[in-house]
Amino acid sequence: MSLVSRRRVRGFTLLELLVALALLGLIATLVFAGLRLGARTWETVDARVEALAELRAVHGFVGRALRQGRALSLTSEDGVHPVFAGDAERLEWVAPLSTHVGLPGLHLLRLTRERGPRGEALMLTHWLFHPEVLAGASGTPPWVALAAGPPAPGAPGEALDLDDGAFGRTLLLEGPMRFELAYYGTREGESGPAWHRDWLAQPRPPRLVRMRLRTPALDWPELVVALADEGAR
């Protein structure tokens, strides 16, 4: 065998092997870094999509329930009281409720922002619009008008389902949020409509309800709903 042939079959030198191993290590590092970056990106996108879906669901539900609201009143010993009431962080009205939330039919709905051990929570509390249920005769928490400033039934942020759906509390959104309500209409004693931070002890519902709901991850457009049968409010 000639000298040239021996040089061709001698294999790689130690230096060449070290360079090849270093290149392989660099390639593997880049591949794994890319995989980790892709996984983190996917997790971020997935979390954002989930947050977007939650906000859209809340907006859709509240918007439908307000548009389907009924201007009803309750009669007690001290007179007739319209059910609709609200302030900057609470809203109460009567609307139909679907079967996946409670018993079908009209329910007295209360939307509240609550603060509990697990942080902030947007809760929907509902009573079947029936005298016995509202009075608590069936073992459910009795309803007290929102204008009286009662605490929400149950622990803050706690979900409940009592009396086969006649009363319940549903968690709509959890975590840091900016939640603000406002009402447009003419309050008793005023000459014209304007935006107000509360709508309490009024004989008629407002013309419009505005809801602002934002989270650290998403700045969602405000929801403005024109209430049904607004008349000359």
C-alpha atoms as a PDB file:
ATOM      1  CA  MET A   1       0.000   0.000   0.000  1.00  0.00           C
ATOM      2  CA  SER A   2       1.386   3.365  -0.965  1.00  0.00           C
ATOM      3  CA  LEU A   3       1.866   6.297   1.415  1.00  0.00           C
ATOM      4  CA  VAL A   4      -1.037   8.153  -0.179  1.00  0.00           C
ATOM      5  CA  SER A   5      -3.388   5.194   0.364  1.00  0.00           C
ATOM      6  CA  ARG A   6      -2.388   4.882   4.030  1.00  0.00           C
ATOM      7  CA  ARG A   7      -3.176   8.572   4.577  1.00  0.00           C
ATOM      8  CA  ARG A   8      -6.628   8.116   3.033  1.00  0.00           C
ATOM      9  CA  VAL A   9      -7.667   5.303   5.424  1.00  0.00           C
ATOM     10  CA  ARG A  10      -6.122   6.591   8.606  1.00  0.00           C
ATOM     11  CA  GLY A  11      -9.505   8.178   9.796  1.00  0.00           C
ATOM     12  CA  PHE A  12     -10.135  11.436  11.646  1.00  0.00           C
ATOM     13  CA  THR A  13      -7.604  13.102  13.842  1.00  0.00           C
ATOM     14  CA  LEU A  14      -8.401  13.908  17.474  1.00  0.00           C
ATOM     15  CA  LEU A  15      -8.771  17.585  16.599  1.00  0.00           C
ATOM     16  CA  GLU A  16     -11.254  16.791  13.837  1.00  0.00           C
ATOM     17  CA  LEU A  17     -13.310  14.634  16.222  1.00  0.00           C
ATOM     18  CA  LEU A  18     -13.383  17.376  18.827  1.00  0.00           C
ATOM     19  CA  VAL A  19     -14.538  19.923  16.244  1.00  0.00           C
ATOM     20  CA  ALA A  20     -17.243  17.548  14.996  1.00  0.00           C
ATOM     21  CA  LEU A  21     -18.465  16.856  18.550  1.00  0.00           C
ATOM     22  CA  ALA A  22     -18.533  20.584  19.315  1.00  0.00           C
ATOM     23  CA  LEU A  23     -20.589  21.236  16.195  1.00  0.00           C
ATOM     24  CA  LEU A  24     -23.005  18.436  17.083  1.00  0.00           C
ATOM     25  CA  GLY A  25     -23.351  19.826  20.606  1.00  0.00           C
ATOM     26  CA  LEU A  26     -24.025  23.316  19.242  1.00  0.00           C
ATOM     27  CA  ILE A  27     -26.636  21.991  16.823  1.00  0.00           C
ATOM     28  CA  ALA A  28     -28.334  19.990  19.599  1.00  0.00           C
ATOM     29  CA  THR A  29     -28.357  23.042  21.870  1.00  0.00           C
ATOM     30  CA  LEU A  30     -29.921  25.177  19.151  1.00  0.00           C
ATOM     31  CA  VAL A  31     -32.525  22.507  18.409  1.00  0.00           C
ATOM     32  CA  PHE A  32     -33.543  22.120  22.054  1.00  0.00           C
ATOM     33  CA  ALA A  33     -33.576  25.902  22.554  1.00  0.00           C
ATOM     34  CA  GLY A  34     -35.866  26.210  19.548  1.00  0.00           C
ATOM     35  CA  LEU A  35     -38.150  23.518  20.924  1.00  0.00           C
ATOM     36  CA  ARG A  36     -38.321  25.238  24.324  1.00  0.00           C
ATOM     37  CA  LEU A  37     -39.030  28.592  22.682  1.00  0.00           C
ATOM     38  CA  GLY A  38     -41.724  27.006  20.545  1.00  0.00           C
ATOM     39  CA  ALA A  39     -43.306  25.370  23.594  1.00  0.00           C
ATOM     40  CA  ARG A  40     -43.289  28.643  25.552  1.00  0.00           C
ATOM     41  CA  THR A  41     -44.730  30.505  22.566  1.00  0.00           C
ATOM     42  CA  TRP A  42     -47.469  27.911  22.203  1.00  0.00           C
ATOM     43  CA  GLU A  43     -48.275  28.108  25.916  1.00  0.00           C
ATOM     44  CA  THR A  44     -48.491  31.920  25.693  1.00  0.00           C
ATOM     45  CA  VAL A  45     -50.743  31.760  22.644  1.00  0.00           C
ATOM     46  CA  ASP A  46     -52.883  29.068  24.258  1.00  0.00           C
ATOM     47  CA  ALA A  47     -53.288  31.121  27.452  1.00  0.00           C
ATOM     48  CA  ARG A  48     -54.215  34.213  25.442  1.00  0.00           C
ATOM     49  CA  VAL A  49     -56.761  32.275  23.384  1.00  0.00           C
ATOM     50  CA  GLU A  50     -58.279  30.864  26.577  1.00  0.00           C
ATOM     51  CA  ALA A  51     -58.480  34.332  28.159  1.00  0.00           C
ATOM     52  CA  LEU A  52     -60.043  35.708  24.981  1.00  0.00           C
ATOM     53  CA  ALA A  53     -62.636  32.921  24.968  1.00  0.00           C
ATOM     54  CA  GLU A  54     -63.523  33.620  28.615  1.00  0.00           C
ATOM     55  CA  LEU A  55     -64.016  37.346  27.991  1.00  0.00           C
ATOM     56  CA  ARG A  56     -66.077  36.706  24.869  1.00  0.00           C
ATOM     57  CA  ALA A  57     -68.253  34.246  26.777  1.00  0.00           C
ATOM     58  CA  VAL A  58     -68.881  36.741  29.596  1.00  0.00           C
ATOM     59  CA  HIS A  59     -69.654  39.557  27.152  1.00  0.00           C
ATOM     60  CA  GLY A  60     -71.963  37.325  25.150  1.00  0.00           C
ATOM     61  CA  PHE A  61     -73.875  36.067  28.168  1.00  0.00           C
ATOM     62  CA  VAL A  62     -74.286  39.462  29.856  1.00  0.00           C
ATOM     63  CA  GLY A  63     -75.273  41.117  26.580  1.00  0.00           C
ATOM     64  CA  ARG A  64     -77.937  38.494  25.803  1.00  0.00           C
ATOM     65  CA  ALA A  65     -79.311  38.519  29.341  1.00  0.00           C
ATOM     66  CA  LEU A  66     -79.600  42.317  29.381  1.00  0.00           C
ATOM     67  CA  ARG A  67     -81.272  42.457  25.973  1.00  0.00           C
ATOM     68  CA  GLN A  68     -83.775  39.835  27.161  1.00  0.00           C
ATOM     69  CA  GLY A  69     -84.355  41.610  30.483  1.00  0.00           C
ATOM     70  CA  ARG A  70     -87.865  42.237  31.787  1.00  0.00           C
ATOM     71  CA  ALA A  71     -88.937  45.406  33.583  1.00  0.00           C
ATOM     72  CA  LEU A  72     -90.613  43.642  36.516  1.00  0.00           C
ATOM     73  CA  SER A  73     -91.377  44.675  40.085  1.00  0.00           C
ATOM     74  CA  LEU A  74     -91.825  42.903  43.396  1.00  0.00           C
ATOM     75  CA  THR A  75     -94.552  43.742  45.884  1.00  0.00           C
ATOM     76  CA  SER A  76     -93.801  43.749  49.605  1.00  0.00           C
ATOM     77  CA  GLU A  77     -95.395  45.142  52.743  1.00  0.00           C
ATOM     78  CA  ASP A  78     -93.827  48.549  52.158  1.00  0.00           C
ATOM     79  CA  GLY A  79     -94.819  48.882  48.501  1.00  0.00           C
ATOM     80  CA  VAL A  80     -93.874  47.940  44.953  1.00  0.00           C
ATOM     81  CA  HIS A  81     -90.179  47.830  44.098  1.00  0.00           C
ATOM     82  CA  PRO A  82     -88.728  47.619  40.558  1.00  0.00           C
ATOM     83  CA  VAL A  83     -86.171  44.842  40.446  1.00  0.00           C
ATOM     84  CA  PHE A  84     -83.606  46.533  38.190  1.00  0.00           C
ATOM     85  CA  ALA A  85     -80.797  48.123  40.205  1.00  0.00           C
ATOM     86  CA  GLY A  86     -77.078  48.585  39.892  1.00  0.00           C
ATOM     87  CA  ASP A  87     -73.934  50.411  40.908  1.00  0.00           C
ATOM     88  CA  ALA A  88     -70.361  50.442  39.627  1.00  0.00           C
ATOM     89  CA  GLU A  89     -69.631  46.806  40.566  1.00  0.00           C
ATOM     90  CA  ARG A  90     -73.064  45.176  40.929  1.00  0.00           C
ATOM     91  CA  LEU A  91     -76.082  44.757  38.674  1.00  0.00           C
ATOM     92  CA  GLU A  92     -79.449  43.127  39.283  1.00  0.00           C
ATOM     93  CA  TRP A  93     -82.259  42.450  36.802  1.00  0.00           C
ATOM     94  CA  VAL A  94     -84.776  39.813  35.650  1.00  0.00           C
ATOM     95  CA  ALA A  95     -84.191  37.738  32.511  1.00  0.00           C
ATOM     96  CA  PRO A  96     -84.701  34.203  31.178  1.00  0.00           C
ATOM     97  CA  LEU A  97     -81.981  31.731  32.062  1.00  0.00           C
ATOM     98  CA  SER A  98     -80.931  28.728  30.002  1.00  0.00           C
ATOM     99  CA  THR A  99     -81.121  25.198  31.375  1.00  0.00           C
ATOM    100  CA  HIS A 100     -77.337  24.736  31.565  1.00  0.00           C
ATOM    101  CA  VAL A 101     -77.173  27.438  34.276  1.00  0.00           C
ATOM    102  CA  GLY A 102     -80.389  26.822  36.240  1.00  0.00           C
ATOM    103  CA  LEU A 103     -84.040  25.916  35.955  1.00  0.00           C
ATOM    104  CA  PRO A 104     -85.604  27.243  32.742  1.00  0.00           C
ATOM    105  CA  GLY A 105     -87.727  30.350  33.102  1.00  0.00           C
ATOM    106  CA  LEU A 106     -87.342  33.844  34.485  1.00  0.00           C
ATOM    107  CA  HIS A 107     -84.616  34.366  37.068  1.00  0.00           C
ATOM    108  CA  LEU A 108     -83.561  37.294  39.162  1.00  0.00           C
ATOM    109  CA  LEU A 109     -79.913  37.742  38.174  1.00  0.00           C
ATOM    110  CA  ARG A 110     -77.200  39.486  40.155  1.00  0.00           C
ATOM    111  CA  LEU A 111     -73.827  40.204  38.586  1.00  0.00           C
ATOM    112  CA  THR A 112     -71.160  41.124  41.139  1.00  0.00           C
ATOM    113  CA  ARG A 113     -67.445  41.669  41.392  1.00  0.00           C
ATOM    114  CA  GLU A 114     -66.241  39.949  44.558  1.00  0.00           C
ATOM    115  CA  ARG A 115     -62.947  39.730  46.398  1.00  0.00           C
ATOM    116  CA  GLY A 116     -62.167  36.582  48.315  1.00  0.00           C
ATOM    117  CA  PRO A 117     -59.263  34.411  49.479  1.00  0.00           C
ATOM    118  CA  ARG A 118     -58.515  33.353  45.885  1.00  0.00           C
ATOM    119  CA  GLY A 119     -58.511  36.911  44.540  1.00  0.00           C
ATOM    120  CA  GLU A 120     -61.038  38.715  42.384  1.00  0.00           C
ATOM    121  CA  ALA A 121     -64.044  36.940  40.911  1.00  0.00           C
ATOM    122  CA  LEU A 122     -66.922  37.949  38.656  1.00  0.00           C
ATOM    123  CA  MET A 123     -69.956  36.038  39.912  1.00  0.00           C
ATOM    124  CA  LEU A 124     -73.490  35.491  38.665  1.00  0.00           C
ATOM    125  CA  THR A 125     -76.032  34.770  41.414  1.00  0.00           C
ATOM    126  CA  HIS A 126     -79.541  33.780  40.372  1.00  0.00           C
ATOM    127  CA  TRP A 127     -82.898  33.092  42.014  1.00  0.00           C
ATOM    128  CA  LEU A 128     -85.831  31.552  40.192  1.00  0.00           C
ATOM    129  CA  PHE A 129     -88.353  34.396  39.913  1.00  0.00           C
ATOM    130  CA  HIS A 130     -90.887  32.760  42.209  1.00  0.00           C
ATOM    131  CA  PRO A 131     -92.177  34.128  45.547  1.00  0.00           C
ATOM    132  CA  GLU A 132     -91.219  31.048  47.569  1.00  0.00           C
ATOM    133  CA  VAL A 133     -87.696  30.911  46.157  1.00  0.00           C
ATOM    134  CA  LEU A 134     -87.132  34.646  46.621  1.00  0.00           C
ATOM    135  CA  ALA A 135     -88.379  34.413  50.207  1.00  0.00           C
ATOM    136  CA  GLY A 136     -86.041  31.505  50.961  1.00  0.00           C
ATOM    137  CA  ALA A 137     -88.923  29.163  51.797  1.00  0.00           C
ATOM    138  CA  SER A 138     -87.361  26.321  49.813  1.00  0.00           C
ATOM    139  CA  GLY A 139     -84.104  26.386  51.765  1.00  0.00           C
ATOM    140  CA  THR A 140     -82.322  28.783  49.433  1.00  0.00           C
ATOM    141  CA  PRO A 141     -80.787  32.084  50.588  1.00  0.00           C
ATOM    142  CA  PRO A 142     -83.566  34.719  50.595  1.00  0.00           C
ATOM    143  CA  TRP A 143     -83.315  37.576  48.142  1.00  0.00           C
ATOM    144  CA  VAL A 144     -82.738  41.079  49.517  1.00  0.00           C
ATOM    145  CA  ALA A 145     -82.893  44.083  47.194  1.00  0.00           C
ATOM    146  CA  LEU A 146     -79.537  45.233  45.893  1.00  0.00           C
ATOM    147  CA  ALA A 147     -80.325  48.813  46.952  1.00  0.00           C
ATOM    148  CA  ALA A 148     -80.258  47.627  50.575  1.00  0.00           C
ATOM    149  CA  GLY A 149     -76.590  46.747  50.141  1.00  0.00           C
ATOM    150  CA  PRO A 150     -76.705  43.050  51.170  1.00  0.00           C
ATOM    151  CA  PRO A 151     -73.628  40.855  50.955  1.00  0.00           C
ATOM    152  CA  ALA A 152     -73.648  38.222  48.233  1.00  0.00           C
ATOM    153  CA  PRO A 153     -75.037  34.858  49.423  1.00  0.00           C
ATOM    154  CA  GLY A 154     -72.266  32.355  50.059  1.00  0.00           C
ATOM    155  CA  ALA A 155     -68.539  32.912  50.384  1.00  0.00           C
ATOM    156  CA  PRO A 156     -66.898  35.339  47.919  1.00  0.00           C
ATOM    157  CA  GLY A 157     -66.124  33.532  44.676  1.00  0.00           C
ATOM    158  CA  GLU A 158     -67.901  30.348  45.795  1.00  0.00           C
ATOM    159  CA  ALA A 159     -70.053  28.476  43.251  1.00  0.00           C
ATOM    160  CA  LEU A 160     -73.342  26.995  44.475  1.00  0.00           C
ATOM    161  CA  ASP A 161     -76.290  25.049  43.051  1.00  0.00           C
ATOM    162  CA  LEU A 162     -79.276  24.599  45.375  1.00  0.00           C
ATOM    163  CA  ASP A 163     -82.836  23.334  45.041  1.00  0.00           C
ATOM    164  CA  ASP A 164     -82.224  21.710  41.635  1.00  0.00           C
ATOM    165  CA  GLY A 165     -81.158  24.974  40.029  1.00  0.00           C
ATOM    166  CA  ALA A 166     -83.722  27.295  41.631  1.00  0.00           C
ATOM    167  CA  PHE A 167     -80.795  29.148  43.214  1.00  0.00           C
ATOM    168  CA  GLY A 168     -77.190  29.168  42.166  1.00  0.00           C
ATOM    169  CA  ARG A 169     -73.901  31.008  41.928  1.00  0.00           C
ATOM    170  CA  THR A 170     -71.676  30.660  38.874  1.00  0.00           C
ATOM    171  CA  LEU A 171     -68.082  31.815  38.509  1.00  0.00           C
ATOM    172  CA  LEU A 172     -67.844  33.746  35.235  1.00  0.00           C
ATOM    173  CA  LEU A 173     -64.274  35.049  35.468  1.00  0.00           C
ATOM    174  CA  GLU A 174     -61.444  34.766  37.970  1.00  0.00           C
ATOM    175  CA  GLY A 175     -58.250  36.744  38.451  1.00  0.00           C
ATOM    176  CA  PRO A 176     -57.145  40.386  38.330  1.00  0.00           C
ATOM    177  CA  MET A 177     -59.610  42.460  36.331  1.00  0.00           C
ATOM    178  CA  ARG A 178     -61.042  45.898  35.787  1.00  0.00           C
ATOM    179  CA  PHE A 179     -64.818  45.699  36.003  1.00  0.00           C
ATOM    180  CA  GLU A 180     -66.997  48.792  35.828  1.00  0.00           C
ATOM    181  CA  LEU A 181     -70.700  49.378  35.164  1.00  0.00           C
ATOM    182  CA  ALA A 182     -72.514  52.576  34.180  1.00  0.00           C
ATOM    183  CA  TYR A 183     -76.116  53.478  33.353  1.00  0.00           C
ATOM    184  CA  TYR A 184     -77.547  55.966  30.879  1.00  0.00           C
ATOM    185  CA  GLY A 185     -80.995  57.406  31.414  1.00  0.00           C
ATOM    186  CA  THR A 186     -83.052  59.996  33.229  1.00  0.00           C
ATOM    187  CA  ARG A 187     -83.185  59.413  36.959  1.00  0.00           C
ATOM    188  CA  GLU A 188     -86.106  60.553  39.045  1.00  0.00           C
ATOM    189  CA  GLY A 189     -85.994  64.315  39.576  1.00  0.00           C
ATOM    190  CA  GLU A 190     -83.602  64.971  36.678  1.00  0.00           C
ATOM    191  CA  SER A 191     -84.470  66.898  33.511  1.00  0.00           C
ATOM    192  CA  GLY A 192     -82.595  64.784  30.968  1.00  0.00           C
ATOM    193  CA  PRO A 193     -80.597  61.604  30.411  1.00  0.00           C
ATOM    194  CA  ALA A 194     -76.949  61.236  31.406  1.00  0.00           C
ATOM    195  CA  TRP A 195     -74.446  58.552  32.370  1.00  0.00           C
ATOM    196  CA  HIS A 196     -74.531  57.536  36.043  1.00  0.00           C
ATOM    197  CA  ARG A 197     -72.365  55.312  38.239  1.00  0.00           C
ATOM    198  CA  ASP A 198     -75.414  53.845  39.962  1.00  0.00           C
ATOM    199  CA  TRP A 199     -79.092  53.204  39.294  1.00  0.00           C
ATOM    200  CA  LEU A 200     -80.733  52.553  42.644  1.00  0.00           C
ATOM    201  CA  ALA A 201     -84.336  52.952  43.815  1.00  0.00           C
ATOM    202  CA  GLN A 202     -85.458  54.196  40.405  1.00  0.00           C
ATOM    203  CA  PRO A 203     -89.005  53.621  39.088  1.00  0.00           C
ATOM    204  CA  ARG A 204     -87.763  52.658  35.611  1.00  0.00           C
ATOM    205  CA  PRO A 205     -84.687  50.929  34.185  1.00  0.00           C
ATOM    206  CA  PRO A 206     -82.130  53.030  32.295  1.00  0.00           C
ATOM    207  CA  ARG A 207     -81.918  53.276  28.532  1.00  0.00           C
ATOM    208  CA  LEU A 208     -78.423  51.818  28.283  1.00  0.00           C
ATOM    209  CA  VAL A 209     -76.079  49.730  30.402  1.00  0.00           C
ATOM    210  CA  ARG A 210     -72.328  49.902  29.822  1.00  0.00           C
ATOM    211  CA  MET A 211     -69.895  47.252  31.023  1.00  0.00           C
ATOM    212  CA  ARG A 212     -66.125  47.594  30.938  1.00  0.00           C
ATOM    213  CA  LEU A 213     -64.266  44.353  31.566  1.00  0.00           C
ATOM    214  CA  ARG A 214     -60.524  44.110  31.139  1.00  0.00           C
ATOM    215  CA  THR A 215     -57.745  41.831  32.343  1.00  0.00           C
ATOM    216  CA  PRO A 216     -53.959  42.284  32.420  1.00  0.00           C
ATOM    217  CA  ALA A 217     -53.747  40.107  29.298  1.00  0.00           C
ATOM    218  CA  LEU A 218     -56.590  41.634  27.270  1.00  0.00           C
ATOM    219  CA  ASP A 219     -58.068  45.089  26.793  1.00  0.00           C
ATOM    220  CA  TRP A 220     -61.544  44.147  25.565  1.00  0.00           C
ATOM    221  CA  PRO A 221     -63.908  46.754  24.020  1.00  0.00           C
ATOM    222  CA  GLU A 222     -66.662  47.971  26.306  1.00  0.00           C
ATOM    223  CA  LEU A 223     -70.131  46.483  26.027  1.00  0.00           C
ATOM    224  CA  VAL A 224     -73.077  48.886  25.641  1.00  0.00           C
ATOM    225  CA  VAL A 225     -76.553  47.331  25.651  1.00  0.00           C
ATOM    226  CA  ALA A 226     -79.843  49.064  24.904  1.00  0.00           C
ATOM    227  CA  LEU A 227     -82.492  47.617  27.191  1.00  0.00           C
ATOM    228  CA  ALA A 228     -85.757  46.366  25.764  1.00  0.00           C
ATOM    229  CA  ASP A 229     -88.928  48.460  26.050  1.00  0.00           C
ATOM    230  CA  GLU A 230     -86.995  51.568  27.013  1.00  0.00           C
ATOM    231  CA  GLY A 231     -89.911  53.887  26.245  1.00  0.00           C
ATOM    232  CA  ALA A 232     -89.223  57.479  27.186  1.00  0.00           C
ATOM    233  CA  ARG A 233     -86.530  56.829  29.779  1.00  0.00           C
END
